[in-house]
Amino acid sequence: DNSFVCNICSESFTCSSNLTDHKREHSNSKRYACDICGKTFSRRYAVCEHKRLHSGERPFQCDRCGKRFTFASDLTKHRRSLHGTVKPYSCAECGKEMSTGREVADHKRLHQGGNTCPICGKVFTRLHNMKEHVRGTHEGYKSFPCPYCDKRFVYSGSLRLHKRLH
């Protein structure tokens, strides 16, 4: 039973200490910075996890299909959605079932109108995703360069897929 709910984004947690840690993400108390890109975090371990995005390290492997993941939470989500694990979370408003509490919190934002791109009208569950979309798609800003060739990408995920070609 997830009885500790964030009053800012509605994400729920099973213990109060996880909720307390989560609330730091909403505050300005981000004391730890990535020495590669400068992104800041409120928890030290989050910087270590974040650095995997730069290194390409994927330490978590699915025991059923062998696919590897950067974060344990991504592996859990993969197992739930791809390998038939029951989706334990559901939207109270529409009943849609989801694999994680984070997905429910994102989904709720869509019921509240989401974050709409002012240029093309595309709707995003998270504000930073909409801003990244505007900068990359509409303003042409590509902040992820390939270390092996001259190509640049709007999204880090696109760069990761591209690097597999090399």
N, C-alpha and C. Protein backbone atom coordinates (compact mmCIF):
# COMPACT_ATOMS: atom_id res chain seq x y z
N ASP A 1 0.85 -1.18 0.00
CA ASP A 1 0.00 0.00 0.00
C ASP A 1 0.89 1.24 0.00
N ASN A 2 0.74 2.10 -1.01
CA ASN A 2 1.51 3.33 -1.11
C ASN A 2 0.72 4.45 -0.43
N SER A 3 0.97 4.67 0.86
CA SER A 3 0.16 5.62 1.61
C SER A 3 0.80 6.99 1.80
N PHE A 4 2.02 7.19 1.28
CA PHE A 4 2.69 8.48 1.39
C PHE A 4 2.71 9.13 0.01
N VAL A 5 1.94 10.20 -0.17
CA VAL A 5 1.74 10.81 -1.48
C VAL A 5 2.33 12.21 -1.52
N CYS A 6 3.05 12.52 -2.58
CA CYS A 6 3.63 13.84 -2.77
C CYS A 6 2.51 14.83 -3.09
N ASN A 7 2.45 15.92 -2.35
CA ASN A 7 1.41 16.92 -2.58
C ASN A 7 1.69 17.81 -3.78
N ILE A 8 2.84 17.62 -4.41
CA ILE A 8 3.20 18.44 -5.57
C ILE A 8 2.87 17.71 -6.88
N CYS A 9 3.28 16.43 -6.98
CA CYS A 9 3.10 15.70 -8.24
C CYS A 9 2.24 14.45 -8.11
N SER A 10 1.77 14.13 -6.91
CA SER A 10 0.90 12.98 -6.64
C SER A 10 1.58 11.62 -6.73
N GLU A 11 2.90 11.58 -6.84
CA GLU A 11 3.57 10.29 -6.83
C GLU A 11 3.46 9.72 -5.42
N SER A 12 3.29 8.38 -5.33
CA SER A 12 3.11 7.77 -4.02
C SER A 12 4.27 6.86 -3.66
N PHE A 13 4.48 6.69 -2.34
CA PHE A 13 5.61 5.93 -1.82
C PHE A 13 5.15 5.04 -0.68
N THR A 14 5.89 3.96 -0.45
CA THR A 14 5.54 3.01 0.61
C THR A 14 6.08 3.42 1.97
N CYS A 15 7.08 4.32 2.01
CA CYS A 15 7.57 4.77 3.31
C CYS A 15 7.85 6.27 3.27
N SER A 16 7.75 6.90 4.44
CA SER A 16 7.86 8.36 4.52
C SER A 16 9.25 8.87 4.13
N SER A 17 10.30 8.08 4.39
CA SER A 17 11.65 8.56 4.06
C SER A 17 11.83 8.69 2.55
N ASN A 18 11.21 7.79 1.78
CA ASN A 18 11.28 7.91 0.32
C ASN A 18 10.54 9.15 -0.16
N LEU A 19 9.42 9.46 0.47
CA LEU A 19 8.68 10.68 0.12
C LEU A 19 9.52 11.91 0.45
N THR A 20 10.18 11.91 1.60
CA THR A 20 11.03 13.04 2.00
C THR A 20 12.15 13.25 0.98
N ASP A 21 12.81 12.15 0.59
CA ASP A 21 13.86 12.24 -0.43
C ASP A 21 13.29 12.77 -1.74
N HIS A 22 12.13 12.27 -2.13
CA HIS A 22 11.50 12.68 -3.38
C HIS A 22 11.18 14.18 -3.37
N LYS A 23 10.69 14.70 -2.26
CA LYS A 23 10.31 16.11 -2.20
C LYS A 23 11.51 17.04 -2.42
N ARG A 24 12.71 16.55 -2.10
CA ARG A 24 13.91 17.36 -2.36
C ARG A 24 14.06 17.63 -3.86
N GLU A 25 13.56 16.73 -4.69
CA GLU A 25 13.64 16.92 -6.14
C GLU A 25 12.85 18.16 -6.57
N HIS A 26 11.79 18.48 -5.84
CA HIS A 26 10.96 19.64 -6.17
C HIS A 26 11.53 20.94 -5.60
N SER A 27 12.42 20.84 -4.62
CA SER A 27 12.95 22.04 -3.98
C SER A 27 14.22 22.51 -4.69
N ASN A 28 14.78 23.57 -4.21
CA ASN A 28 16.01 24.11 -4.79
C ASN A 28 17.26 23.61 -4.07
N SER A 29 17.12 22.56 -3.25
CA SER A 29 18.26 22.08 -2.48
C SER A 29 19.04 21.01 -3.24
N LYS A 30 19.47 21.35 -4.42
CA LYS A 30 20.25 20.42 -5.25
C LYS A 30 21.72 20.75 -5.08
N ARG A 31 22.36 20.04 -4.17
CA ARG A 31 23.73 20.35 -3.78
C ARG A 31 24.79 19.57 -4.54
N TYR A 32 24.41 18.52 -5.23
CA TYR A 32 25.39 17.66 -5.88
C TYR A 32 25.32 17.85 -7.39
N ALA A 33 26.49 18.06 -8.01
CA ALA A 33 26.52 18.35 -9.45
C ALA A 33 27.33 17.31 -10.22
N CYS A 34 26.89 17.03 -11.43
CA CYS A 34 27.64 16.15 -12.33
C CYS A 34 28.83 16.93 -12.85
N ASP A 35 30.05 16.38 -12.71
CA ASP A 35 31.24 17.10 -13.17
C ASP A 35 31.42 17.02 -14.69
N ILE A 36 30.51 16.32 -15.37
CA ILE A 36 30.59 16.23 -16.83
C ILE A 36 29.69 17.28 -17.50
N CYS A 37 28.42 17.34 -17.05
CA CYS A 37 27.48 18.26 -17.71
C CYS A 37 26.96 19.37 -16.80
N GLY A 38 27.23 19.26 -15.49
CA GLY A 38 26.79 20.31 -14.57
C GLY A 38 25.39 20.14 -14.01
N LYS A 39 24.64 19.14 -14.45
CA LYS A 39 23.29 18.93 -13.94
C LYS A 39 23.38 18.69 -12.43
N THR A 40 22.43 19.28 -11.67
CA THR A 40 22.48 19.17 -10.22
C THR A 40 21.41 18.24 -9.68
N PHE A 41 21.72 17.67 -8.51
CA PHE A 41 20.84 16.70 -7.87
C PHE A 41 20.78 16.96 -6.38
N SER A 42 19.69 16.51 -5.75
CA SER A 42 19.56 16.70 -4.31
C SER A 42 20.15 15.53 -3.53
N ARG A 43 20.46 14.42 -4.22
CA ARG A 43 21.04 13.26 -3.56
C ARG A 43 22.32 12.84 -4.25
N ARG A 44 23.33 12.50 -3.46
CA ARG A 44 24.64 12.13 -3.99
C ARG A 44 24.57 10.91 -4.90
N TYR A 45 23.81 9.88 -4.50
CA TYR A 45 23.75 8.68 -5.32
C TYR A 45 23.13 8.95 -6.69
N ALA A 46 22.27 9.96 -6.77
CA ALA A 46 21.63 10.29 -8.05
C ALA A 46 22.66 10.77 -9.06
N VAL A 47 23.71 11.46 -8.60
CA VAL A 47 24.79 11.89 -9.51
C VAL A 47 25.50 10.67 -10.08
N CYS A 48 25.78 9.70 -9.22
CA CYS A 48 26.45 8.47 -9.67
C CYS A 48 25.60 7.74 -10.71
N GLU A 49 24.30 7.64 -10.44
CA GLU A 49 23.41 7.00 -11.41
C GLU A 49 23.36 7.79 -12.71
N HIS A 50 23.28 9.11 -12.60
CA HIS A 50 23.20 9.98 -13.77
C HIS A 50 24.43 9.83 -14.66
N LYS A 51 25.61 9.67 -14.06
CA LYS A 51 26.84 9.57 -14.84
C LYS A 51 26.85 8.36 -15.77
N ARG A 52 26.01 7.36 -15.47
CA ARG A 52 25.89 6.22 -16.38
C ARG A 52 25.38 6.64 -17.75
N LEU A 53 24.60 7.73 -17.80
CA LEU A 53 24.12 8.22 -19.08
C LEU A 53 25.28 8.70 -19.95
N HIS A 54 26.29 9.28 -19.31
CA HIS A 54 27.46 9.76 -20.05
C HIS A 54 28.38 8.60 -20.45
N SER A 55 28.52 7.62 -19.57
CA SER A 55 29.46 6.52 -19.83
C SER A 55 28.86 5.43 -20.70
N GLY A 56 27.52 5.38 -20.77
CA GLY A 56 26.87 4.31 -21.52
C GLY A 56 26.79 3.01 -20.74
N GLU A 57 27.21 3.03 -19.47
CA GLU A 57 27.18 1.82 -18.64
C GLU A 57 25.74 1.35 -18.45
N ARG A 58 25.53 0.04 -18.59
CA ARG A 58 24.20 -0.56 -18.40
C ARG A 58 24.36 -1.80 -17.52
N PRO A 59 24.43 -1.60 -16.20
CA PRO A 59 24.74 -2.71 -15.30
C PRO A 59 23.57 -3.65 -14.98
N PHE A 60 22.35 -3.30 -15.37
CA PHE A 60 21.19 -4.12 -15.02
C PHE A 60 20.70 -4.89 -16.24
N GLN A 61 20.69 -6.23 -16.13
CA GLN A 61 20.35 -7.09 -17.26
C GLN A 61 19.10 -7.92 -16.96
N CYS A 62 18.21 -8.00 -17.94
CA CYS A 62 17.00 -8.82 -17.82
C CYS A 62 17.40 -10.29 -17.91
N ASP A 63 16.98 -11.07 -16.93
CA ASP A 63 17.32 -12.49 -16.92
C ASP A 63 16.50 -13.30 -17.91
N ARG A 64 15.48 -12.70 -18.51
CA ARG A 64 14.65 -13.43 -19.47
C ARG A 64 15.06 -13.20 -20.92
N CYS A 65 15.46 -11.96 -21.25
CA CYS A 65 15.79 -11.69 -22.66
C CYS A 65 17.20 -11.14 -22.86
N GLY A 66 17.89 -10.81 -21.77
CA GLY A 66 19.27 -10.34 -21.88
C GLY A 66 19.45 -8.85 -22.12
N LYS A 67 18.36 -8.12 -22.34
CA LYS A 67 18.47 -6.68 -22.57
C LYS A 67 19.05 -6.01 -21.33
N ARG A 68 19.92 -4.99 -21.55
CA ARG A 68 20.60 -4.30 -20.45
C ARG A 68 20.04 -2.90 -20.27
N PHE A 69 20.12 -2.40 -19.01
CA PHE A 69 19.55 -1.11 -18.67
C PHE A 69 20.50 -0.29 -17.81
N THR A 70 20.39 1.02 -17.92
CA THR A 70 21.20 1.95 -17.15
C THR A 70 20.73 1.99 -15.70
N PHE A 71 19.42 1.92 -15.49
CA PHE A 71 18.85 2.05 -14.16
C PHE A 71 18.03 0.83 -13.78
N ALA A 72 18.05 0.47 -12.51
CA ALA A 72 17.28 -0.67 -12.01
C ALA A 72 15.79 -0.46 -12.26
N SER A 73 15.34 0.77 -12.13
CA SER A 73 13.91 1.05 -12.34
C SER A 73 13.49 0.78 -13.77
N ASP A 74 14.40 1.03 -14.73
CA ASP A 74 14.09 0.74 -16.13
C ASP A 74 13.97 -0.77 -16.36
N LEU A 75 14.82 -1.55 -15.70
CA LEU A 75 14.72 -3.01 -15.80
C LEU A 75 13.40 -3.49 -15.21
N THR A 76 13.02 -2.95 -14.06
CA THR A 76 11.75 -3.34 -13.44
C THR A 76 10.58 -3.02 -14.36
N LYS A 77 10.59 -1.83 -14.94
CA LYS A 77 9.53 -1.43 -15.85
C LYS A 77 9.50 -2.35 -17.08
N HIS A 78 10.67 -2.68 -17.60
CA HIS A 78 10.78 -3.59 -18.75
C HIS A 78 10.17 -4.95 -18.43
N ARG A 79 10.53 -5.50 -17.28
CA ARG A 79 10.01 -6.81 -16.89
C ARG A 79 8.49 -6.79 -16.77
N ARG A 80 7.98 -5.72 -16.19
CA ARG A 80 6.53 -5.62 -16.00
C ARG A 80 5.79 -5.51 -17.33
N SER A 81 6.29 -4.67 -18.22
CA SER A 81 5.57 -4.40 -19.45
C SER A 81 5.80 -5.44 -20.54
N LEU A 82 7.03 -5.95 -20.66
CA LEU A 82 7.35 -6.86 -21.76
C LEU A 82 7.17 -8.33 -21.41
N HIS A 83 7.34 -8.67 -20.17
CA HIS A 83 7.30 -10.08 -19.82
C HIS A 83 6.05 -10.47 -19.02
N GLY A 84 5.00 -9.68 -19.17
CA GLY A 84 3.71 -10.07 -18.66
C GLY A 84 3.45 -9.91 -17.18
N THR A 85 4.32 -9.21 -16.48
CA THR A 85 4.06 -8.99 -15.06
C THR A 85 2.83 -8.09 -14.94
N VAL A 86 1.99 -8.37 -13.98
CA VAL A 86 0.78 -7.59 -13.78
C VAL A 86 1.14 -6.13 -13.51
N LYS A 87 0.34 -5.23 -14.06
CA LYS A 87 0.57 -3.81 -13.84
C LYS A 87 -0.19 -3.41 -12.57
N PRO A 88 0.56 -3.14 -11.49
CA PRO A 88 -0.07 -2.96 -10.19
C PRO A 88 -0.67 -1.58 -9.92
N TYR A 89 -0.47 -0.62 -10.79
CA TYR A 89 -0.96 0.73 -10.57
C TYR A 89 -2.05 1.06 -11.58
N SER A 90 -3.02 1.86 -11.17
CA SER A 90 -4.06 2.26 -12.11
C SER A 90 -4.50 3.70 -11.82
N CYS A 91 -4.97 4.36 -12.86
CA CYS A 91 -5.45 5.73 -12.76
C CYS A 91 -6.85 5.71 -12.13
N ALA A 92 -7.03 6.48 -11.08
CA ALA A 92 -8.32 6.54 -10.40
C ALA A 92 -9.39 7.18 -11.28
N GLU A 93 -8.96 8.01 -12.25
CA GLU A 93 -9.92 8.73 -13.08
C GLU A 93 -10.42 7.90 -14.26
N CYS A 94 -9.51 7.18 -14.94
CA CYS A 94 -9.92 6.45 -16.14
C CYS A 94 -9.70 4.95 -16.06
N GLY A 95 -9.00 4.49 -15.02
CA GLY A 95 -8.78 3.06 -14.85
C GLY A 95 -7.62 2.46 -15.62
N LYS A 96 -6.90 3.26 -16.40
CA LYS A 96 -5.77 2.73 -17.15
C LYS A 96 -4.75 2.12 -16.20
N GLU A 97 -4.26 0.91 -16.54
CA GLU A 97 -3.28 0.24 -15.70
C GLU A 97 -1.87 0.57 -16.15
N MET A 98 -0.96 0.73 -15.17
CA MET A 98 0.41 1.10 -15.47
C MET A 98 1.37 0.33 -14.59
N SER A 99 2.64 0.31 -15.01
CA SER A 99 3.66 -0.49 -14.33
C SER A 99 4.28 0.19 -13.11
N THR A 100 4.30 1.51 -13.09
CA THR A 100 4.97 2.22 -12.00
C THR A 100 4.14 3.39 -11.48
N GLY A 101 4.44 3.79 -10.25
CA GLY A 101 3.80 4.97 -9.68
C GLY A 101 4.15 6.23 -10.46
N ARG A 102 5.38 6.27 -10.99
CA ARG A 102 5.82 7.42 -11.79
C ARG A 102 4.94 7.56 -13.05
N GLU A 103 4.62 6.43 -13.68
CA GLU A 103 3.75 6.48 -14.86
C GLU A 103 2.37 7.03 -14.50
N VAL A 104 1.86 6.65 -13.33
CA VAL A 104 0.55 7.15 -12.90
C VAL A 104 0.62 8.66 -12.69
N ALA A 105 1.69 9.13 -12.03
CA ALA A 105 1.85 10.57 -11.80
C ALA A 105 1.93 11.32 -13.12
N ASP A 106 2.69 10.79 -14.08
CA ASP A 106 2.77 11.42 -15.41
C ASP A 106 1.41 11.41 -16.09
N HIS A 107 0.72 10.27 -16.02
CA HIS A 107 -0.58 10.11 -16.67
C HIS A 107 -1.59 11.10 -16.10
N LYS A 108 -1.57 11.31 -14.79
CA LYS A 108 -2.50 12.25 -14.16
C LYS A 108 -2.34 13.65 -14.73
N ARG A 109 -1.11 14.02 -15.07
CA ARG A 109 -0.87 15.34 -15.65
C ARG A 109 -1.59 15.50 -16.99
N LEU A 110 -1.75 14.39 -17.72
CA LEU A 110 -2.47 14.47 -18.99
C LEU A 110 -3.94 14.80 -18.75
N HIS A 111 -4.53 14.25 -17.69
CA HIS A 111 -5.92 14.57 -17.34
C HIS A 111 -6.05 16.03 -16.96
N GLN A 112 -4.96 16.62 -16.45
CA GLN A 112 -4.97 18.02 -16.03
C GLN A 112 -4.58 18.95 -17.18
N GLY A 113 -4.42 18.43 -18.38
CA GLY A 113 -4.08 19.24 -19.53
C GLY A 113 -2.65 19.07 -20.01
N GLY A 114 -1.79 18.49 -19.20
CA GLY A 114 -0.41 18.24 -19.62
C GLY A 114 0.36 19.53 -19.87
N ASN A 115 1.46 19.39 -20.57
CA ASN A 115 2.30 20.53 -20.96
C ASN A 115 2.31 20.57 -22.48
N THR A 116 1.64 21.55 -23.04
CA THR A 116 1.43 21.63 -24.47
C THR A 116 2.48 22.51 -25.14
N CYS A 117 3.07 22.00 -26.23
CA CYS A 117 4.01 22.79 -27.01
C CYS A 117 3.27 23.98 -27.61
N PRO A 118 3.75 25.20 -27.39
CA PRO A 118 3.05 26.38 -27.90
C PRO A 118 3.16 26.52 -29.42
N ILE A 119 4.05 25.73 -30.04
CA ILE A 119 4.25 25.85 -31.48
C ILE A 119 3.43 24.83 -32.26
N CYS A 120 3.50 23.55 -31.86
CA CYS A 120 2.82 22.51 -32.64
C CYS A 120 1.66 21.85 -31.90
N GLY A 121 1.50 22.13 -30.60
CA GLY A 121 0.39 21.57 -29.86
C GLY A 121 0.60 20.18 -29.29
N LYS A 122 1.77 19.58 -29.49
CA LYS A 122 2.04 18.26 -28.94
C LYS A 122 2.02 18.35 -27.42
N VAL A 123 1.44 17.33 -26.77
CA VAL A 123 1.28 17.35 -25.31
C VAL A 123 2.31 16.43 -24.65
N PHE A 124 2.92 16.93 -23.58
CA PHE A 124 3.93 16.19 -22.82
C PHE A 124 3.50 16.08 -21.38
N THR A 125 3.87 14.98 -20.72
CA THR A 125 3.52 14.83 -19.31
C THR A 125 4.45 15.64 -18.41
N ARG A 126 5.65 15.91 -18.88
CA ARG A 126 6.61 16.65 -18.06
C ARG A 126 7.05 17.92 -18.77
N LEU A 127 7.15 19.00 -18.00
CA LEU A 127 7.51 20.31 -18.54
C LEU A 127 8.89 20.28 -19.20
N HIS A 128 9.88 19.62 -18.56
CA HIS A 128 11.22 19.63 -19.14
C HIS A 128 11.26 18.89 -20.47
N ASN A 129 10.40 17.89 -20.67
CA ASN A 129 10.34 17.21 -21.97
C ASN A 129 9.78 18.13 -23.05
N MET A 130 8.78 18.93 -22.68
CA MET A 130 8.22 19.87 -23.65
C MET A 130 9.25 20.94 -24.02
N LYS A 131 9.99 21.43 -23.01
CA LYS A 131 11.02 22.44 -23.29
C LYS A 131 12.13 21.87 -24.18
N GLU A 132 12.52 20.63 -23.91
CA GLU A 132 13.54 19.96 -24.73
C GLU A 132 13.04 19.80 -26.16
N HIS A 133 11.77 19.46 -26.32
CA HIS A 133 11.14 19.33 -27.64
C HIS A 133 11.19 20.66 -28.39
N VAL A 134 10.82 21.74 -27.73
CA VAL A 134 10.82 23.06 -28.38
C VAL A 134 12.23 23.44 -28.82
N ARG A 135 13.21 23.29 -27.91
CA ARG A 135 14.59 23.65 -28.23
C ARG A 135 15.13 22.83 -29.40
N GLY A 136 14.86 21.55 -29.38
CA GLY A 136 15.42 20.68 -30.41
C GLY A 136 14.65 20.69 -31.71
N THR A 137 13.35 20.47 -31.64
CA THR A 137 12.53 20.33 -32.84
C THR A 137 12.26 21.67 -33.51
N HIS A 138 11.93 22.68 -32.74
CA HIS A 138 11.53 23.96 -33.34
C HIS A 138 12.66 24.99 -33.42
N GLU A 139 13.63 24.90 -32.51
CA GLU A 139 14.73 25.87 -32.52
C GLU A 139 16.02 25.28 -33.09
N GLY A 140 16.01 23.98 -33.36
CA GLY A 140 17.16 23.33 -33.99
C GLY A 140 18.36 23.12 -33.09
N TYR A 141 18.19 23.25 -31.79
CA TYR A 141 19.30 23.09 -30.86
C TYR A 141 19.54 21.60 -30.61
N LYS A 142 20.72 21.13 -30.96
CA LYS A 142 21.06 19.71 -30.79
C LYS A 142 22.25 19.62 -29.84
N SER A 143 21.96 19.28 -28.59
CA SER A 143 22.98 19.36 -27.55
C SER A 143 23.72 18.05 -27.29
N PHE A 144 23.46 17.00 -28.07
CA PHE A 144 24.12 15.72 -27.85
C PHE A 144 24.96 15.33 -29.05
N PRO A 145 26.27 15.65 -29.02
CA PRO A 145 27.14 15.32 -30.16
C PRO A 145 27.64 13.88 -30.09
N CYS A 146 27.78 13.26 -31.24
CA CYS A 146 28.35 11.92 -31.31
C CYS A 146 29.86 12.04 -31.17
N PRO A 147 30.46 11.24 -30.29
CA PRO A 147 31.91 11.30 -30.11
C PRO A 147 32.69 10.66 -31.26
N TYR A 148 31.99 9.97 -32.16
CA TYR A 148 32.65 9.24 -33.25
C TYR A 148 32.51 9.90 -34.61
N CYS A 149 31.54 10.80 -34.77
CA CYS A 149 31.36 11.49 -36.06
C CYS A 149 30.82 12.89 -35.80
N ASP A 150 30.44 13.59 -36.85
CA ASP A 150 30.00 14.98 -36.72
C ASP A 150 28.51 15.15 -36.43
N LYS A 151 27.76 14.08 -36.30
CA LYS A 151 26.32 14.20 -36.07
C LYS A 151 26.01 14.69 -34.66
N ARG A 152 24.91 15.43 -34.56
CA ARG A 152 24.42 15.93 -33.27
C ARG A 152 22.94 15.56 -33.16
N PHE A 153 22.47 15.42 -31.90
CA PHE A 153 21.11 14.96 -31.69
C PHE A 153 20.37 15.81 -30.66
N VAL A 154 19.06 15.88 -30.83
CA VAL A 154 18.20 16.62 -29.92
C VAL A 154 18.07 15.86 -28.60
N TYR A 155 17.94 14.54 -28.68
CA TYR A 155 17.69 13.71 -27.51
C TYR A 155 18.85 12.76 -27.24
N SER A 156 19.14 12.55 -25.96
CA SER A 156 20.23 11.64 -25.57
C SER A 156 19.92 10.22 -26.03
N GLY A 157 18.65 9.83 -26.01
CA GLY A 157 18.26 8.50 -26.46
C GLY A 157 18.57 8.28 -27.94
N SER A 158 18.39 9.32 -28.74
CA SER A 158 18.71 9.21 -30.17
C SER A 158 20.20 9.02 -30.37
N LEU A 159 21.00 9.72 -29.57
CA LEU A 159 22.45 9.56 -29.65
C LEU A 159 22.84 8.14 -29.26
N ARG A 160 22.25 7.61 -28.19
CA ARG A 160 22.56 6.24 -27.76
C ARG A 160 22.28 5.25 -28.88
N LEU A 161 21.15 5.39 -29.55
CA LEU A 161 20.81 4.48 -30.66
C LEU A 161 21.82 4.65 -31.80
N HIS A 162 22.17 5.90 -32.10
CA HIS A 162 23.12 6.17 -33.18
C HIS A 162 24.50 5.56 -32.89
N LYS A 163 24.96 5.66 -31.62
CA LYS A 163 26.29 5.14 -31.29
C LYS A 163 26.41 3.65 -31.52
N ARG A 164 25.29 2.95 -31.50
CA ARG A 164 25.31 1.50 -31.79
C ARG A 164 25.78 1.23 -33.21
N LEU A 165 25.55 2.16 -34.11
CA LEU A 165 25.99 2.00 -35.51
C LEU A 165 27.50 1.99 -35.61
N HIS A 166 28.16 2.71 -34.73
CA HIS A 166 29.63 2.76 -34.74
C HIS A 166 30.20 1.51 -34.13
